[in-house]
Amino acid sequence: MNATQFALKIAQVIVNPIILFLIGAAVLIFVWGVAEYIRGSESDKVRETGRMHMIWGIVGIFIMVSAYTILRILVDTVYG
């Protein structure tokens, strides 16, 4: 196994599952925020907390999808 195959294997076996797990966590935080927002419709404080969870969930999804995309572009460019 040469260095190229080793780097591709690391990306495939370690980095991609970590990124996908973090995307899943961000989606879970977003869904939790939606549930919190709906459930706490009487309380402004609970709705604000739900809104913040939704915002941070969206930010997390965006960051992790961007990281995955950048990694794919880098791997495709360098290792073709």
PDB file of N, CA and C in Angstrom:
ATOM      1  N   MET A   1       0.854  -1.164   0.000  1.00  0.00           N
ATOM      2  CA  MET A   1       0.000   0.000   0.000  1.00  0.00           C
ATOM      3  C   MET A   1       0.907   1.236   0.000  1.00  0.00           C
ATOM      4  N   ASN A   2       0.682   2.114  -0.950  1.00  0.00           N
ATOM      5  CA  ASN A   2       1.483   3.340  -1.018  1.00  0.00           C
ATOM      6  C   ASN A   2       0.795   4.474  -0.250  1.00  0.00           C
ATOM      7  N   ALA A   3       1.444   5.627  -0.228  1.00  0.00           N
ATOM      8  CA  ALA A   3       0.945   6.758   0.561  1.00  0.00           C
ATOM      9  C   ALA A   3      -0.398   7.265   0.047  1.00  0.00           C
ATOM     10  N   THR A   4      -0.603   7.251  -1.243  1.00  0.00           N
ATOM     11  CA  THR A   4      -1.868   7.712  -1.816  1.00  0.00           C
ATOM     12  C   THR A   4      -3.022   6.831  -1.369  1.00  0.00           C
ATOM     13  N   GLN A   5      -2.844   5.534  -1.485  1.00  0.00           N
ATOM     14  CA  GLN A   5      -3.894   4.609  -1.061  1.00  0.00           C
ATOM     15  C   GLN A   5      -4.154   4.731   0.440  1.00  0.00           C
ATOM     16  N   PHE A   6      -3.086   4.926   1.207  1.00  0.00           N
ATOM     17  CA  PHE A   6      -3.228   5.078   2.651  1.00  0.00           C
ATOM     18  C   PHE A   6      -4.037   6.335   2.992  1.00  0.00           C
ATOM     19  N   ALA A   7      -3.740   7.452   2.339  1.00  0.00           N
ATOM     20  CA  ALA A   7      -4.460   8.708   2.587  1.00  0.00           C
ATOM     21  C   ALA A   7      -5.925   8.581   2.181  1.00  0.00           C
ATOM     22  N   LEU A   8      -6.192   7.943   1.074  1.00  0.00           N
ATOM     23  CA  LEU A   8      -7.574   7.739   0.638  1.00  0.00           C
ATOM     24  C   LEU A   8      -8.326   6.850   1.610  1.00  0.00           C
ATOM     25  N   LYS A   9      -7.666   5.825   2.117  1.00  0.00           N
ATOM     26  CA  LYS A   9      -8.289   4.907   3.065  1.00  0.00           C
ATOM     27  C   LYS A   9      -8.599   5.622   4.387  1.00  0.00           C
ATOM     28  N   ILE A  10      -7.676   6.477   4.841  1.00  0.00           N
ATOM     29  CA  ILE A  10      -7.914   7.263   6.060  1.00  0.00           C
ATOM     30  C   ILE A  10      -9.146   8.147   5.875  1.00  0.00           C
ATOM     31  N   ALA A  11      -9.212   8.835   4.747  1.00  0.00           N
ATOM     32  CA  ALA A  11     -10.363   9.707   4.470  1.00  0.00           C
ATOM     33  C   ALA A  11     -11.653   8.900   4.416  1.00  0.00           C
ATOM     34  N   GLN A  12     -11.597   7.733   3.808  1.00  0.00           N
ATOM     35  CA  GLN A  12     -12.790   6.925   3.622  1.00  0.00           C
ATOM     36  C   GLN A  12     -13.243   6.256   4.921  1.00  0.00           C
ATOM     37  N   VAL A  13     -12.316   5.767   5.712  1.00  0.00           N
ATOM     38  CA  VAL A  13     -12.670   4.964   6.884  1.00  0.00           C
ATOM     39  C   VAL A  13     -12.826   5.809   8.146  1.00  0.00           C
ATOM     40  N   ILE A  14     -12.075   6.881   8.278  1.00  0.00           N
ATOM     41  CA  ILE A  14     -12.104   7.653   9.518  1.00  0.00           C
ATOM     42  C   ILE A  14     -12.805   8.997   9.353  1.00  0.00           C
ATOM     43  N   VAL A  15     -12.364   9.794   8.402  1.00  0.00           N
ATOM     44  CA  VAL A  15     -12.845  11.183   8.300  1.00  0.00           C
ATOM     45  C   VAL A  15     -14.301  11.246   7.831  1.00  0.00           C
ATOM     46  N   ASN A  16     -14.659  10.526   6.789  1.00  0.00           N
ATOM     47  CA  ASN A  16     -16.031  10.583   6.276  1.00  0.00           C
ATOM     48  C   ASN A  16     -17.068  10.147   7.311  1.00  0.00           C
ATOM     49  N   PRO A  17     -16.862   9.035   8.027  1.00  0.00           N
ATOM     50  CA  PRO A  17     -17.856   8.685   9.055  1.00  0.00           C
ATOM     51  C   PRO A  17     -17.972   9.722  10.172  1.00  0.00           C
ATOM     52  N   ILE A  18     -16.867  10.352  10.543  1.00  0.00           N
ATOM     53  CA  ILE A  18     -16.926  11.397  11.570  1.00  0.00           C
ATOM     54  C   ILE A  18     -17.749  12.575  11.068  1.00  0.00           C
ATOM     55  N   ILE A  19     -17.512  13.000   9.833  1.00  0.00           N
ATOM     56  CA  ILE A  19     -18.273  14.115   9.269  1.00  0.00           C
ATOM     57  C   ILE A  19     -19.750  13.758   9.171  1.00  0.00           C
ATOM     58  N   LEU A  20     -20.069  12.562   8.719  1.00  0.00           N
ATOM     59  CA  LEU A  20     -21.473  12.153   8.613  1.00  0.00           C
ATOM     60  C   LEU A  20     -22.134  12.072   9.983  1.00  0.00           C
ATOM     61  N   PHE A  21     -21.401  11.623  10.986  1.00  0.00           N
ATOM     62  CA  PHE A  21     -21.937  11.587  12.351  1.00  0.00           C
ATOM     63  C   PHE A  21     -22.244  13.001  12.840  1.00  0.00           C
ATOM     64  N   LEU A  22     -21.346  13.935  12.579  1.00  0.00           N
ATOM     65  CA  LEU A  22     -21.557  15.317  13.013  1.00  0.00           C
ATOM     66  C   LEU A  22     -22.710  15.983  12.262  1.00  0.00           C
ATOM     67  N   ILE A  23     -22.894  15.624  10.988  1.00  0.00           N
ATOM     68  CA  ILE A  23     -24.065  16.118  10.243  1.00  0.00           C
ATOM     69  C   ILE A  23     -25.336  15.601  10.899  1.00  0.00           C
ATOM     70  N   GLY A  24     -25.338  14.331  11.256  1.00  0.00           N
ATOM     71  CA  GLY A  24     -26.497  13.745  11.944  1.00  0.00           C
ATOM     72  C   GLY A  24     -26.773  14.425  13.281  1.00  0.00           C
ATOM     73  N   ALA A  25     -25.717  14.737  14.028  1.00  0.00           N
ATOM     74  CA  ALA A  25     -25.887  15.435  15.309  1.00  0.00           C
ATOM     75  C   ALA A  25     -26.476  16.823  15.091  1.00  0.00           C
ATOM     76  N   ALA A  26     -26.028  17.524  14.059  1.00  0.00           N
ATOM     77  CA  ALA A  26     -26.551  18.858  13.763  1.00  0.00           C
ATOM     78  C   ALA A  26     -28.025  18.792  13.367  1.00  0.00           C
ATOM     79  N   VAL A  27     -28.398  17.779  12.596  1.00  0.00           N
ATOM     80  CA  VAL A  27     -29.807  17.601  12.220  1.00  0.00           C
ATOM     81  C   VAL A  27     -30.637  17.305  13.463  1.00  0.00           C
ATOM     82  N   LEU A  28     -30.101  16.488  14.361  1.00  0.00           N
ATOM     83  CA  LEU A  28     -30.805  16.175  15.602  1.00  0.00           C
ATOM     84  C   LEU A  28     -31.003  17.428  16.455  1.00  0.00           C
ATOM     85  N   ILE A  29     -30.004  18.285  16.546  1.00  0.00           N
ATOM     86  CA  ILE A  29     -30.130  19.539  17.295  1.00  0.00           C
ATOM     87  C   ILE A  29     -31.188  20.435  16.656  1.00  0.00           C
ATOM     88  N   PHE A  30     -31.207  20.485  15.333  1.00  0.00           N
ATOM     89  CA  PHE A  30     -32.217  21.285  14.638  1.00  0.00           C
ATOM     90  C   PHE A  30     -33.620  20.769  14.937  1.00  0.00           C
ATOM     91  N   VAL A  31     -33.816  19.458  14.831  1.00  0.00           N
ATOM     92  CA  VAL A  31     -35.135  18.863  15.082  1.00  0.00           C
ATOM     93  C   VAL A  31     -35.541  19.081  16.540  1.00  0.00           C
ATOM     94  N   TRP A  32     -34.583  18.954  17.465  1.00  0.00           N
ATOM     95  CA  TRP A  32     -34.862  19.215  18.874  1.00  0.00           C
ATOM     96  C   TRP A  32     -35.333  20.669  19.045  1.00  0.00           C
ATOM     97  N   GLY A  33     -34.707  21.592  18.361  1.00  0.00           N
ATOM     98  CA  GLY A  33     -35.108  22.996  18.432  1.00  0.00           C
ATOM     99  C   GLY A  33     -36.510  23.222  17.902  1.00  0.00           C
ATOM    100  N   VAL A  34     -36.847  22.536  16.813  1.00  0.00           N
ATOM    101  CA  VAL A  34     -38.209  22.657  16.261  1.00  0.00           C
ATOM    102  C   VAL A  34     -39.225  22.140  17.272  1.00  0.00           C
ATOM    103  N   ALA A  35     -38.938  20.986  17.874  1.00  0.00           N
ATOM    104  CA  ALA A  35     -39.855  20.418  18.864  1.00  0.00           C
ATOM    105  C   ALA A  35     -39.984  21.339  20.074  1.00  0.00           C
ATOM    106  N   GLU A  36     -38.872  21.895  20.509  1.00  0.00           N
ATOM    107  CA  GLU A  36     -38.880  22.806  21.641  1.00  0.00           C
ATOM    108  C   GLU A  36     -39.687  24.071  21.323  1.00  0.00           C
ATOM    109  N   TYR A  37     -39.520  24.577  20.136  1.00  0.00           N
ATOM    110  CA  TYR A  37     -40.230  25.783  19.711  1.00  0.00           C
ATOM    111  C   TYR A  37     -41.739  25.541  19.690  1.00  0.00           C
ATOM    112  N   ILE A  38     -42.135  24.382  19.169  1.00  0.00           N
ATOM    113  CA  ILE A  38     -43.565  24.075  19.080  1.00  0.00           C
ATOM    114  C   ILE A  38     -44.140  23.788  20.466  1.00  0.00           C
ATOM    115  N   ARG A  39     -43.404  23.012  21.253  1.00  0.00           N
ATOM    116  CA  ARG A  39     -43.877  22.621  22.577  1.00  0.00           C
ATOM    117  C   ARG A  39     -43.990  23.819  23.519  1.00  0.00           C
ATOM    118  N   GLY A  40     -43.084  24.769  23.412  1.00  0.00           N
ATOM    119  CA  GLY A  40     -43.080  25.910  24.320  1.00  0.00           C
ATOM    120  C   GLY A  40     -43.756  27.129  23.749  1.00  0.00           C
ATOM    121  N   SER A  41     -44.868  26.932  23.069  1.00  0.00           N
ATOM    122  CA  SER A  41     -45.515  28.062  22.394  1.00  0.00           C
ATOM    123  C   SER A  41     -46.047  29.106  23.373  1.00  0.00           C
ATOM    124  N   GLU A  42     -46.249  28.733  24.650  1.00  0.00           N
ATOM    125  CA  GLU A  42     -46.754  29.700  25.616  1.00  0.00           C
ATOM    126  C   GLU A  42     -45.649  30.574  26.198  1.00  0.00           C
ATOM    127  N   SER A  43     -44.447  30.052  26.268  1.00  0.00           N
ATOM    128  CA  SER A  43     -43.351  30.749  26.937  1.00  0.00           C
ATOM    129  C   SER A  43     -42.368  31.329  25.917  1.00  0.00           C
ATOM    130  N   ASP A  44     -42.123  32.631  26.028  1.00  0.00           N
ATOM    131  CA  ASP A  44     -41.168  33.273  25.122  1.00  0.00           C
ATOM    132  C   ASP A  44     -39.749  32.758  25.338  1.00  0.00           C
ATOM    133  N   LYS A  45     -39.404  32.463  26.583  1.00  0.00           N
ATOM    134  CA  LYS A  45     -38.049  31.972  26.883  1.00  0.00           C
ATOM    135  C   LYS A  45     -37.801  30.601  26.248  1.00  0.00           C
ATOM    136  N   VAL A  46     -38.766  29.711  26.328  1.00  0.00           N
ATOM    137  CA  VAL A  46     -38.622  28.374  25.731  1.00  0.00           C
ATOM    138  C   VAL A  46     -38.588  28.485  24.211  1.00  0.00           C
ATOM    139  N   ARG A  47     -39.410  29.357  23.658  1.00  0.00           N
ATOM    140  CA  ARG A  47     -39.388  29.546  22.204  1.00  0.00           C
ATOM    141  C   ARG A  47     -38.057  30.107  21.746  1.00  0.00           C
ATOM    142  N   GLU A  48     -37.479  31.024  22.507  1.00  0.00           N
ATOM    143  CA  GLU A  48     -36.168  31.590  22.153  1.00  0.00           C
ATOM    144  C   GLU A  48     -35.087  30.510  22.207  1.00  0.00           C
ATOM    145  N   THR A  49     -35.148  29.637  23.203  1.00  0.00           N
ATOM    146  CA  THR A  49     -34.194  28.533  23.291  1.00  0.00           C
ATOM    147  C   THR A  49     -34.344  27.606  22.092  1.00  0.00           C
ATOM    148  N   GLY A  50     -35.583  27.291  21.723  1.00  0.00           N
ATOM    149  CA  GLY A  50     -35.821  26.459  20.544  1.00  0.00           C
ATOM    150  C   GLY A  50     -35.317  27.108  19.271  1.00  0.00           C
ATOM    151  N   ARG A  51     -35.517  28.406  19.172  1.00  0.00           N
ATOM    152  CA  ARG A  51     -35.044  29.147  17.997  1.00  0.00           C
ATOM    153  C   ARG A  51     -33.514  29.093  17.911  1.00  0.00           C
ATOM    154  N   MET A  52     -32.845  29.246  19.047  1.00  0.00           N
ATOM    155  CA  MET A  52     -31.378  29.194  19.059  1.00  0.00           C
ATOM    156  C   MET A  52     -30.871  27.795  18.683  1.00  0.00           C
ATOM    157  N   HIS A  53     -31.557  26.756  19.147  1.00  0.00           N
ATOM    158  CA  HIS A  53     -31.171  25.398  18.752  1.00  0.00           C
ATOM    159  C   HIS A  53     -31.336  25.199  17.244  1.00  0.00           C
ATOM    160  N   MET A  54     -32.421  25.738  16.694  1.00  0.00           N
ATOM    161  CA  MET A  54     -32.614  25.615  15.246  1.00  0.00           C
ATOM    162  C   MET A  54     -31.520  26.353  14.483  1.00  0.00           C
ATOM    163  N   ILE A  55     -31.175  27.548  14.933  1.00  0.00           N
ATOM    164  CA  ILE A  55     -30.131  28.324  14.251  1.00  0.00           C
ATOM    165  C   ILE A  55     -28.803  27.596  14.317  1.00  0.00           C
ATOM    166  N   TRP A  56     -28.408  27.118  15.499  1.00  0.00           N
ATOM    167  CA  TRP A  56     -27.126  26.429  15.629  1.00  0.00           C
ATOM    168  C   TRP A  56     -27.133  25.092  14.893  1.00  0.00           C
ATOM    169  N   GLY A  57     -28.289  24.442  14.803  1.00  0.00           N
ATOM    170  CA  GLY A  57     -28.383  23.220  14.008  1.00  0.00           C
ATOM    171  C   GLY A  57     -28.132  23.498  12.531  1.00  0.00           C
ATOM    172  N   ILE A  58     -28.717  24.570  12.024  1.00  0.00           N
ATOM    173  CA  ILE A  58     -28.511  24.951  10.627  1.00  0.00           C
ATOM    174  C   ILE A  58     -27.054  25.330  10.381  1.00  0.00           C
ATOM    175  N   VAL A  59     -26.464  26.081  11.318  1.00  0.00           N
ATOM    176  CA  VAL A  59     -25.051  26.455  11.192  1.00  0.00           C
ATOM    177  C   VAL A  59     -24.177  25.197  11.169  1.00  0.00           C
ATOM    178  N   GLY A  60     -24.457  24.261  12.062  1.00  0.00           N
ATOM    179  CA  GLY A  60     -23.694  23.011  12.102  1.00  0.00           C
ATOM    180  C   GLY A  60     -23.828  22.207  10.825  1.00  0.00           C
ATOM    181  N   ILE A  61     -25.037  22.107  10.307  1.00  0.00           N
ATOM    182  CA  ILE A  61     -25.255  21.387   9.048  1.00  0.00           C
ATOM    183  C   ILE A  61     -24.456  22.045   7.930  1.00  0.00           C
ATOM    184  N   PHE A  62     -24.525  23.363   7.841  1.00  0.00           N
ATOM    185  CA  PHE A  62     -23.807  24.093   6.802  1.00  0.00           C
ATOM    186  C   PHE A  62     -22.300  23.866   6.902  1.00  0.00           C
ATOM    187  N   ILE A  63     -21.758  23.967   8.118  1.00  0.00           N
ATOM    188  CA  ILE A  63     -20.318  23.799   8.301  1.00  0.00           C
ATOM    189  C   ILE A  63     -19.885  22.385   7.939  1.00  0.00           C
ATOM    190  N   MET A  64     -20.620  21.380   8.360  1.00  0.00           N
ATOM    191  CA  MET A  64     -20.202  19.999   8.115  1.00  0.00           C
ATOM    192  C   MET A  64     -20.369  19.620   6.634  1.00  0.00           C
ATOM    193  N   VAL A  65     -21.424  20.099   5.993  1.00  0.00           N
ATOM    194  CA  VAL A  65     -21.579  19.830   4.555  1.00  0.00           C
ATOM    195  C   VAL A  65     -20.474  20.540   3.777  1.00  0.00           C
ATOM    196  N   SER A  66     -20.125  21.746   4.210  1.00  0.00           N
ATOM    197  CA  SER A  66     -19.019  22.454   3.565  1.00  0.00           C
ATOM    198  C   SER A  66     -17.702  21.713   3.749  1.00  0.00           C
ATOM    199  N   ALA A  67     -17.448  21.220   4.955  1.00  0.00           N
ATOM    200  CA  ALA A  67     -16.217  20.461   5.210  1.00  0.00           C
ATOM    201  C   ALA A  67     -16.172  19.195   4.361  1.00  0.00           C
ATOM    202  N   TYR A  68     -17.304  18.503   4.253  1.00  0.00           N
ATOM    203  CA  TYR A  68     -17.363  17.294   3.439  1.00  0.00           C
ATOM    204  C   TYR A  68     -17.093  17.627   1.969  1.00  0.00           C
ATOM    205  N   THR A  69     -17.689  18.704   1.489  1.00  0.00           N
ATOM    206  CA  THR A  69     -17.498  19.118   0.092  1.00  0.00           C
ATOM    207  C   THR A  69     -16.046  19.505  -0.181  1.00  0.00           C
ATOM    208  N   ILE A  70     -15.460  20.279   0.722  1.00  0.00           N
ATOM    209  CA  ILE A  70     -14.061  20.674   0.557  1.00  0.00           C
ATOM    210  C   ILE A  70     -13.155  19.447   0.567  1.00  0.00           C
ATOM    211  N   LEU A  71     -13.429  18.511   1.456  1.00  0.00           N
ATOM    212  CA  LEU A  71     -12.632  17.281   1.507  1.00  0.00           C
ATOM    213  C   LEU A  71     -12.761  16.493   0.211  1.00  0.00           C
ATOM    214  N   ARG A  72     -13.964  16.381  -0.321  1.00  0.00           N
ATOM    215  CA  ARG A  72     -14.170  15.647  -1.585  1.00  0.00           C
ATOM    216  C   ARG A  72     -13.427  16.337  -2.727  1.00  0.00           C
ATOM    217  N   ILE A  73     -13.505  17.651  -2.807  1.00  0.00           N
ATOM    218  CA  ILE A  73     -12.807  18.391  -3.862  1.00  0.00           C
ATOM    219  C   ILE A  73     -11.309  18.198  -3.733  1.00  0.00           C
ATOM    220  N   LEU A  74     -10.797  18.280  -2.506  1.00  0.00           N
ATOM    221  CA  LEU A  74      -9.373  18.091  -2.268  1.00  0.00           C
ATOM    222  C   LEU A  74      -8.920  16.691  -2.660  1.00  0.00           C
ATOM    223  N   VAL A  75      -9.640  15.688  -2.260  1.00  0.00           N
ATOM    224  CA  VAL A  75      -9.277  14.305  -2.595  1.00  0.00           C
ATOM    225  C   VAL A  75      -9.346  14.090  -4.095  1.00  0.00           C
ATOM    226  N   ASP A  76     -10.404  14.573  -4.727  1.00  0.00           N
ATOM    227  CA  ASP A  76     -10.540  14.394  -6.182  1.00  0.00           C
ATOM    228  C   ASP A  76      -9.468  15.147  -6.948  1.00  0.00           C
ATOM    229  N   THR A  77      -9.070  16.317  -6.457  1.00  0.00           N
ATOM    230  CA  THR A  77      -8.063  17.117  -7.139  1.00  0.00           C
ATOM    231  C   THR A  77      -6.663  16.528  -6.957  1.00  0.00           C
ATOM    232  N   VAL A  78      -6.327  16.193  -5.730  1.00  0.00           N
ATOM    233  CA  VAL A  78      -4.976  15.720  -5.443  1.00  0.00           C
ATOM    234  C   VAL A  78      -4.765  14.275  -5.898  1.00  0.00           C
ATOM    235  N   TYR A  79      -5.743  13.430  -5.615  1.00  0.00           N
ATOM    236  CA  TYR A  79      -5.567  12.002  -5.896  1.00  0.00           C
ATOM    237  C   TYR A  79      -6.306  11.536  -7.128  1.00  0.00           C
ATOM    238  N   GLY A  80      -7.052  12.414  -7.739  1.00  0.00           N
ATOM    239  CA  GLY A  80      -7.715  12.178  -9.006  1.00  0.00           C
ATOM    240  C   GLY A  80      -8.420  10.909  -9.103  1.00  0.00           C
TER     241      GLY A  80
END
